[in-house]
Amino acid sequence: MYHHHHHQPYVPSATPNNHHPPMAHHANLLEITVVGCHKLKDTEWIARQDPYVCVEYGNTRNRTRVCTDGGKNPTFQEKFVYNMIQGLKELNIIVWNKNTLSRDDFIGSGKVHLAKVLTQGYDDSSWPLQTKHGRHGGEVRLIMHYSGANPNSYVTPQVMSMYSAPATGGPYSMPFAYPPQPAPYPPQPYAPGHSLYPPQPYGSHYSHGSPYPGGYTLYRDTIPTKDD
């Protein structure tokens, strides 16, 4: 019988540890959404080309699905998430045309500079592509988010001065300051607040059915009880 009690302490100890790793990683994730391409060089003579986009950051390489008949202006709306690599402030984009029988055609490639998204946390820009002959091959639109950016850059200047004091604890202190606080509020109006002035309309609503006459009778009743 005693053996059953020994197993129980191990269960709760496992759960708190599970919450910590995601927070640590969350501080510097780079999210790249490949929205689509614009005015791509056309590699097909007869049919419409079927483009797809490769995104290379460090040793990580992702590719979108093929946009069949996407032609010169394909849309993808695909998101890739990378762990931020310290000091690596650019990534490569390569656009290909998918061929069924022969090798895929190279449409164009370009470099994406991450300086803006790393400092401001957000960048929505189109990036130019170059063909293999160095000509303009169109452009790729990316929406980028970086969770490790300074949180103050999101806030307008007026609000920033209000939050500057509590935000000194780091990026996580601002968002996580809110959830613990609402907890004290719900218990108060019901238990001690019942006899106090703010919740009176609710109390009268339950006892008399209608808040308006109930509110007045409640108020009149309180005066004689004090005299007694």
C-alpha atoms as a PDB file:
ATOM      1  CA  MET A   1       0.000   0.000   0.000  1.00  0.00           C
ATOM      2  CA  TYR A   2       2.802   2.404   0.760  1.00  0.00           C
ATOM      3  CA  HIS A   3       4.219   2.006  -2.723  1.00  0.00           C
ATOM      4  CA  HIS A   4       1.274   3.889  -4.246  1.00  0.00           C
ATOM      5  CA  HIS A   5       2.133   7.023  -2.280  1.00  0.00           C
ATOM      6  CA  HIS A   6       5.728   7.043  -3.469  1.00  0.00           C
ATOM      7  CA  HIS A   7       4.754   7.403  -7.124  1.00  0.00           C
ATOM      8  CA  GLN A   8       2.634  10.510  -6.661  1.00  0.00           C
ATOM      9  CA  PRO A   9       5.348  13.166  -5.976  1.00  0.00           C
ATOM     10  CA  TYR A  10       7.013  12.431  -9.327  1.00  0.00           C
ATOM     11  CA  VAL A  11       3.972  13.477 -11.359  1.00  0.00           C
ATOM     12  CA  PRO A  12       3.787  17.183 -10.376  1.00  0.00           C
ATOM     13  CA  SER A  13       7.572  17.625 -10.503  1.00  0.00           C
ATOM     14  CA  ALA A  14       7.531  16.790 -14.212  1.00  0.00           C
ATOM     15  CA  THR A  15       4.951  19.394 -15.168  1.00  0.00           C
ATOM     16  CA  PRO A  16       6.646  22.673 -14.061  1.00  0.00           C
ATOM     17  CA  ASN A  17       9.811  21.805 -15.960  1.00  0.00           C
ATOM     18  CA  ASN A  18       7.853  21.481 -19.195  1.00  0.00           C
ATOM     19  CA  HIS A  19       6.920  25.156 -19.153  1.00  0.00           C
ATOM     20  CA  HIS A  20      10.446  26.577 -19.124  1.00  0.00           C
ATOM     21  CA  PRO A  21      12.076  25.507 -22.420  1.00  0.00           C
ATOM     22  CA  PRO A  22       9.531  27.159 -24.780  1.00  0.00           C
ATOM     23  CA  MET A  23      10.026  30.521 -23.054  1.00  0.00           C
ATOM     24  CA  ALA A  24      13.788  30.358 -23.423  1.00  0.00           C
ATOM     25  CA  HIS A  25      13.600  29.502 -27.138  1.00  0.00           C
ATOM     26  CA  HIS A  26      10.837  32.007 -27.808  1.00  0.00           C
ATOM     27  CA  ALA A  27      13.190  34.919 -27.129  1.00  0.00           C
ATOM     28  CA  ASN A  28      14.867  34.716 -30.545  1.00  0.00           C
ATOM     29  CA  LEU A  29      12.741  33.108 -33.225  1.00  0.00           C
ATOM     30  CA  LEU A  30      12.740  34.521 -36.730  1.00  0.00           C
ATOM     31  CA  GLU A  31       9.492  33.970 -38.636  1.00  0.00           C
ATOM     32  CA  ILE A  32       9.554  34.368 -42.418  1.00  0.00           C
ATOM     33  CA  THR A  33       6.288  34.345 -44.366  1.00  0.00           C
ATOM     34  CA  VAL A  34       6.760  34.023 -48.122  1.00  0.00           C
ATOM     35  CA  VAL A  35       3.757  36.001 -49.342  1.00  0.00           C
ATOM     36  CA  GLY A  36       4.351  35.747 -53.084  1.00  0.00           C
ATOM     37  CA  CYS A  37       6.334  36.992 -56.066  1.00  0.00           C
ATOM     38  CA  HIS A  38       5.806  39.891 -58.407  1.00  0.00           C
ATOM     39  CA  LYS A  39       6.770  40.303 -62.076  1.00  0.00           C
ATOM     40  CA  LEU A  40       8.921  37.173 -62.211  1.00  0.00           C
ATOM     41  CA  LYS A  41      10.991  36.476 -65.288  1.00  0.00           C
ATOM     42  CA  ASP A  42       9.011  34.022 -67.388  1.00  0.00           C
ATOM     43  CA  THR A  43      10.901  30.842 -68.247  1.00  0.00           C
ATOM     44  CA  GLU A  44       8.072  29.169 -70.161  1.00  0.00           C
ATOM     45  CA  TRP A  45       7.329  29.809 -73.820  1.00  0.00           C
ATOM     46  CA  ILE A  46       3.886  28.254 -74.094  1.00  0.00           C
ATOM     47  CA  ALA A  47       2.441  27.201 -70.725  1.00  0.00           C
ATOM     48  CA  ARG A  48       2.440  29.237 -67.510  1.00  0.00           C
ATOM     49  CA  GLN A  49       5.420  28.559 -65.255  1.00  0.00           C
ATOM     50  CA  ASP A  50       5.017  26.804 -61.872  1.00  0.00           C
ATOM     51  CA  PRO A  51       7.240  28.717 -59.439  1.00  0.00           C
ATOM     52  CA  TYR A  52       8.373  27.875 -55.917  1.00  0.00           C
ATOM     53  CA  VAL A  53      10.622  29.738 -53.473  1.00  0.00           C
ATOM     54  CA  CYS A  54      13.578  28.429 -51.452  1.00  0.00           C
ATOM     55  CA  VAL A  55      14.626  30.251 -48.277  1.00  0.00           C
ATOM     56  CA  GLU A  56      18.140  29.625 -46.928  1.00  0.00           C
ATOM     57  CA  TYR A  57      19.250  30.830 -43.504  1.00  0.00           C
ATOM     58  CA  GLY A  58      22.519  29.425 -42.195  1.00  0.00           C
ATOM     59  CA  ASN A  59      22.427  25.683 -42.820  1.00  0.00           C
ATOM     60  CA  THR A  60      18.620  25.576 -42.819  1.00  0.00           C
ATOM     61  CA  ARG A  61      16.855  25.456 -46.151  1.00  0.00           C
ATOM     62  CA  ASN A  62      13.086  25.514 -46.680  1.00  0.00           C
ATOM     63  CA  ARG A  63      11.000  25.605 -49.823  1.00  0.00           C
ATOM     64  CA  THR A  64       7.417  26.557 -50.475  1.00  0.00           C
ATOM     65  CA  ARG A  65       4.999  24.324 -52.321  1.00  0.00           C
ATOM     66  CA  VAL A  66       4.834  24.775 -56.083  1.00  0.00           C
ATOM     67  CA  CYS A  67       2.329  27.404 -57.208  1.00  0.00           C
ATOM     68  CA  THR A  68       0.937  25.602 -60.281  1.00  0.00           C
ATOM     69  CA  ASP A  69       0.337  28.019 -63.169  1.00  0.00           C
ATOM     70  CA  GLY A  70       1.551  30.791 -60.854  1.00  0.00           C
ATOM     71  CA  GLY A  71       3.176  32.494 -63.815  1.00  0.00           C
ATOM     72  CA  LYS A  72       4.804  35.846 -63.057  1.00  0.00           C
ATOM     73  CA  ASN A  73       2.820  36.626 -59.866  1.00  0.00           C
ATOM     74  CA  PRO A  74       2.486  33.456 -57.767  1.00  0.00           C
ATOM     75  CA  THR A  75       1.176  33.555 -54.179  1.00  0.00           C
ATOM     76  CA  PHE A  76       2.377  31.191 -51.454  1.00  0.00           C
ATOM     77  CA  GLN A  77       1.534  32.519 -47.939  1.00  0.00           C
ATOM     78  CA  GLU A  78       3.846  29.970 -46.316  1.00  0.00           C
ATOM     79  CA  LYS A  79       5.610  30.551 -42.992  1.00  0.00           C
ATOM     80  CA  PHE A  80       9.006  29.216 -41.920  1.00  0.00           C
ATOM     81  CA  VAL A  81      10.503  29.620 -38.446  1.00  0.00           C
ATOM     82  CA  TYR A  82      14.250  29.806 -37.798  1.00  0.00           C
ATOM     83  CA  ASN A  83      16.327  30.008 -34.655  1.00  0.00           C
ATOM     84  CA  MET A  84      18.178  33.302 -34.780  1.00  0.00           C
ATOM     85  CA  ILE A  85      21.896  32.816 -35.464  1.00  0.00           C
ATOM     86  CA  GLN A  86      23.980  35.445 -33.702  1.00  0.00           C
ATOM     87  CA  GLY A  87      25.696  37.741 -36.203  1.00  0.00           C
ATOM     88  CA  LEU A  88      24.009  36.279 -39.316  1.00  0.00           C
ATOM     89  CA  LYS A  89      21.952  39.182 -40.622  1.00  0.00           C
ATOM     90  CA  GLU A  90      20.952  38.076 -44.096  1.00  0.00           C
ATOM     91  CA  LEU A  91      19.256  35.154 -45.785  1.00  0.00           C
ATOM     92  CA  ASN A  92      19.025  33.996 -49.388  1.00  0.00           C
ATOM     93  CA  ILE A  93      15.921  33.516 -51.510  1.00  0.00           C
ATOM     94  CA  ILE A  94      15.957  31.494 -54.711  1.00  0.00           C
ATOM     95  CA  VAL A  95      12.964  31.150 -57.036  1.00  0.00           C
ATOM     96  CA  TRP A  96      12.656  28.150 -59.324  1.00  0.00           C
ATOM     97  CA  ASN A  97      10.217  26.997 -61.979  1.00  0.00           C
ATOM     98  CA  LYS A  98       9.139  23.390 -61.415  1.00  0.00           C
ATOM     99  CA  ASN A  99       9.583  21.123 -64.416  1.00  0.00           C
ATOM    100  CA  THR A 100       8.128  17.627 -64.542  1.00  0.00           C
ATOM    101  CA  LEU A 101      10.534  16.050 -67.006  1.00  0.00           C
ATOM    102  CA  SER A 102      13.640  18.258 -67.205  1.00  0.00           C
ATOM    103  CA  ARG A 103      15.584  20.002 -64.435  1.00  0.00           C
ATOM    104  CA  ASP A 104      13.842  22.904 -62.670  1.00  0.00           C
ATOM    105  CA  ASP A 105      14.559  26.309 -64.229  1.00  0.00           C
ATOM    106  CA  PHE A 106      16.366  28.910 -62.131  1.00  0.00           C
ATOM    107  CA  ILE A 107      14.288  32.114 -62.216  1.00  0.00           C
ATOM    108  CA  GLY A 108      16.268  34.360 -59.873  1.00  0.00           C
ATOM    109  CA  SER A 109      17.861  34.772 -56.456  1.00  0.00           C
ATOM    110  CA  GLY A 110      18.370  37.572 -53.976  1.00  0.00           C
ATOM    111  CA  LYS A 111      19.636  38.504 -50.534  1.00  0.00           C
ATOM    112  CA  VAL A 112      17.321  39.560 -47.723  1.00  0.00           C
ATOM    113  CA  HIS A 113      18.750  41.901 -45.089  1.00  0.00           C
ATOM    114  CA  LEU A 114      17.519  41.245 -41.553  1.00  0.00           C
ATOM    115  CA  ALA A 115      18.764  44.431 -39.851  1.00  0.00           C
ATOM    116  CA  LYS A 116      15.296  46.024 -39.773  1.00  0.00           C
ATOM    117  CA  VAL A 117      13.377  42.982 -38.525  1.00  0.00           C
ATOM    118  CA  LEU A 118      16.010  42.268 -35.859  1.00  0.00           C
ATOM    119  CA  THR A 119      15.790  45.780 -34.388  1.00  0.00           C
ATOM    120  CA  GLN A 120      12.083  46.564 -34.919  1.00  0.00           C
ATOM    121  CA  GLY A 121      10.635  43.042 -34.713  1.00  0.00           C
ATOM    122  CA  TYR A 122       8.715  43.401 -37.997  1.00  0.00           C
ATOM    123  CA  ASP A 123       9.441  43.933 -41.683  1.00  0.00           C
ATOM    124  CA  ASP A 124       7.094  43.716 -44.653  1.00  0.00           C
ATOM    125  CA  SER A 125       9.124  44.303 -47.815  1.00  0.00           C
ATOM    126  CA  SER A 126       9.677  43.106 -51.353  1.00  0.00           C
ATOM    127  CA  TRP A 127      13.189  41.948 -52.239  1.00  0.00           C
ATOM    128  CA  PRO A 128      14.652  42.071 -55.779  1.00  0.00           C
ATOM    129  CA  LEU A 129      15.800  38.948 -57.615  1.00  0.00           C
ATOM    130  CA  GLN A 130      18.652  38.682 -60.091  1.00  0.00           C
ATOM    131  CA  THR A 131      18.714  36.236 -62.984  1.00  0.00           C
ATOM    132  CA  LYS A 132      21.814  34.157 -63.641  1.00  0.00           C
ATOM    133  CA  HIS A 133      22.834  36.820 -66.175  1.00  0.00           C
ATOM    134  CA  GLY A 134      22.593  39.581 -63.533  1.00  0.00           C
ATOM    135  CA  ARG A 135      19.339  41.061 -64.828  1.00  0.00           C
ATOM    136  CA  HIS A 136      16.254  41.899 -62.784  1.00  0.00           C
ATOM    137  CA  GLY A 137      14.237  38.709 -62.319  1.00  0.00           C
ATOM    138  CA  GLY A 138      11.274  40.061 -60.351  1.00  0.00           C
ATOM    139  CA  GLU A 139      10.802  40.317 -56.601  1.00  0.00           C
ATOM    140  CA  VAL A 140       9.676  38.281 -53.596  1.00  0.00           C
ATOM    141  CA  ARG A 141       7.504  39.745 -50.842  1.00  0.00           C
ATOM    142  CA  LEU A 142       8.314  38.560 -47.318  1.00  0.00           C
ATOM    143  CA  ILE A 143       6.651  39.389 -44.005  1.00  0.00           C
ATOM    144  CA  MET A 144       9.140  38.851 -41.195  1.00  0.00           C
ATOM    145  CA  HIS A 145       8.713  38.790 -37.416  1.00  0.00           C
ATOM    146  CA  TYR A 146      11.445  38.538 -34.798  1.00  0.00           C
ATOM    147  CA  SER A 147      10.346  37.807 -31.227  1.00  0.00           C
ATOM    148  CA  GLY A 148      13.708  38.741 -29.689  1.00  0.00           C
ATOM    149  CA  ALA A 149      13.532  42.413 -30.716  1.00  0.00           C
ATOM    150  CA  ASN A 150      13.403  45.147 -28.092  1.00  0.00           C
ATOM    151  CA  PRO A 151       9.738  45.242 -26.968  1.00  0.00           C
ATOM    152  CA  ASN A 152       9.846  49.042 -26.636  1.00  0.00           C
ATOM    153  CA  SER A 153      10.139  49.366 -30.404  1.00  0.00           C
ATOM    154  CA  TYR A 154       6.549  48.102 -30.744  1.00  0.00           C
ATOM    155  CA  VAL A 155       5.084  50.740 -28.441  1.00  0.00           C
ATOM    156  CA  THR A 156       4.318  54.352 -29.352  1.00  0.00           C
ATOM    157  CA  PRO A 157       6.471  56.973 -27.580  1.00  0.00           C
ATOM    158  CA  GLN A 158       3.704  58.109 -25.190  1.00  0.00           C
ATOM    159  CA  VAL A 159       2.917  54.594 -24.012  1.00  0.00           C
ATOM    160  CA  MET A 160       6.581  53.720 -23.779  1.00  0.00           C
ATOM    161  CA  SER A 161       7.211  56.218 -20.992  1.00  0.00           C
ATOM    162  CA  MET A 162       4.374  54.685 -18.966  1.00  0.00           C
ATOM    163  CA  TYR A 163       5.702  51.158 -19.326  1.00  0.00           C
ATOM    164  CA  SER A 164       9.408  51.928 -19.146  1.00  0.00           C
ATOM    165  CA  ALA A 165       9.617  51.265 -15.400  1.00  0.00           C
ATOM    166  CA  PRO A 166       7.992  47.790 -15.290  1.00  0.00           C
ATOM    167  CA  ALA A 167       9.607  46.745 -18.553  1.00  0.00           C
ATOM    168  CA  THR A 168      13.132  46.859 -17.103  1.00  0.00           C
ATOM    169  CA  GLY A 169      12.877  43.189 -16.130  1.00  0.00           C
ATOM    170  CA  GLY A 170      13.238  42.239 -19.789  1.00  0.00           C
ATOM    171  CA  PRO A 171      10.941  41.412 -22.704  1.00  0.00           C
ATOM    172  CA  TYR A 172       8.937  38.821 -20.771  1.00  0.00           C
ATOM    173  CA  SER A 173       7.976  41.052 -17.828  1.00  0.00           C
ATOM    174  CA  MET A 174       5.452  43.117 -19.765  1.00  0.00           C
ATOM    175  CA  PRO A 175       3.210  40.448 -21.313  1.00  0.00           C
ATOM    176  CA  PHE A 176       3.328  38.182 -18.275  1.00  0.00           C
ATOM    177  CA  ALA A 177       2.462  40.965 -15.855  1.00  0.00           C
ATOM    178  CA  TYR A 178      -1.165  40.813 -16.958  1.00  0.00           C
ATOM    179  CA  PRO A 179      -2.345  37.216 -16.390  1.00  0.00           C
ATOM    180  CA  PRO A 180      -1.698  37.068 -12.601  1.00  0.00           C
ATOM    181  CA  GLN A 181      -3.541  40.320 -11.874  1.00  0.00           C
ATOM    182  CA  PRO A 182      -7.152  39.623 -12.949  1.00  0.00           C
ATOM    183  CA  ALA A 183      -7.330  36.711 -10.506  1.00  0.00           C
ATOM    184  CA  PRO A 184      -7.993  38.851  -7.367  1.00  0.00           C
ATOM    185  CA  TYR A 185     -10.923  40.693  -8.957  1.00  0.00           C
ATOM    186  CA  PRO A 186     -13.598  38.007  -9.528  1.00  0.00           C
ATOM    187  CA  PRO A 187     -13.786  36.732  -5.910  1.00  0.00           C
ATOM    188  CA  GLN A 188     -14.174  40.194  -4.375  1.00  0.00           C
ATOM    189  CA  PRO A 189     -17.505  41.487  -5.741  1.00  0.00           C
ATOM    190  CA  TYR A 190     -19.356  38.333  -4.692  1.00  0.00           C
ATOM    191  CA  ALA A 191     -18.150  37.645  -1.169  1.00  0.00           C
ATOM    192  CA  PRO A 192     -17.292  40.846   0.790  1.00  0.00           C
ATOM    193  CA  GLY A 193     -18.641  43.108  -1.937  1.00  0.00           C
ATOM    194  CA  HIS A 194     -22.199  41.865  -1.458  1.00  0.00           C
ATOM    195  CA  SER A 195     -22.808  44.204   1.425  1.00  0.00           C
ATOM    196  CA  LEU A 196     -20.874  47.102  -0.109  1.00  0.00           C
ATOM    197  CA  TYR A 197     -22.251  49.769  -2.417  1.00  0.00           C
ATOM    198  CA  PRO A 198     -20.969  48.784  -5.914  1.00  0.00           C
ATOM    199  CA  PRO A 199     -22.679  45.367  -6.257  1.00  0.00           C
ATOM    200  CA  GLN A 200     -26.060  46.537  -4.837  1.00  0.00           C
ATOM    201  CA  PRO A 201     -27.804  46.577  -8.241  1.00  0.00           C
ATOM    202  CA  TYR A 202     -26.851  42.914  -8.669  1.00  0.00           C
ATOM    203  CA  GLY A 203     -28.124  41.963  -5.203  1.00  0.00           C
ATOM    204  CA  SER A 204     -31.404  43.778  -5.726  1.00  0.00           C
ATOM    205  CA  HIS A 205     -31.730  42.199  -9.149  1.00  0.00           C
ATOM    206  CA  TYR A 206     -31.780  38.730  -7.614  1.00  0.00           C
ATOM    207  CA  SER A 207     -34.108  39.508  -4.691  1.00  0.00           C
ATOM    208  CA  HIS A 208     -36.669  41.789  -6.325  1.00  0.00           C
ATOM    209  CA  GLY A 209     -36.544  40.780  -9.957  1.00  0.00           C
ATOM    210  CA  SER A 210     -36.292  44.334 -11.325  1.00  0.00           C
ATOM    211  CA  PRO A 211     -33.142  46.365 -10.620  1.00  0.00           C
ATOM    212  CA  TYR A 212     -34.852  49.783 -10.534  1.00  0.00           C
ATOM    213  CA  PRO A 213     -37.518  49.473  -7.788  1.00  0.00           C
ATOM    214  CA  GLY A 214     -35.293  46.996  -5.988  1.00  0.00           C
ATOM    215  CA  GLY A 215     -32.510  49.533  -5.812  1.00  0.00           C
ATOM    216  CA  TYR A 216     -34.748  52.106  -4.153  1.00  0.00           C
ATOM    217  CA  THR A 217     -36.360  49.793  -1.637  1.00  0.00           C
ATOM    218  CA  LEU A 218     -32.962  48.433  -0.671  1.00  0.00           C
ATOM    219  CA  TYR A 219     -31.756  51.950  -0.057  1.00  0.00           C
ATOM    220  CA  ARG A 220     -34.823  52.846   2.040  1.00  0.00           C
ATOM    221  CA  ASP A 221     -34.535  49.644   4.056  1.00  0.00           C
ATOM    222  CA  THR A 222     -30.971  50.350   5.074  1.00  0.00           C
ATOM    223  CA  ILE A 223     -31.902  53.556   6.936  1.00  0.00           C
ATOM    224  CA  PRO A 224     -34.319  52.017   9.526  1.00  0.00           C
ATOM    225  CA  THR A 225     -32.039  49.044  10.176  1.00  0.00           C
ATOM    226  CA  LYS A 226     -29.245  51.416  11.209  1.00  0.00           C
ATOM    227  CA  ASP A 227     -31.612  53.152  13.694  1.00  0.00           C
ATOM    228  CA  ASP A 228     -32.473  49.807  15.309  1.00  0.00           C
END
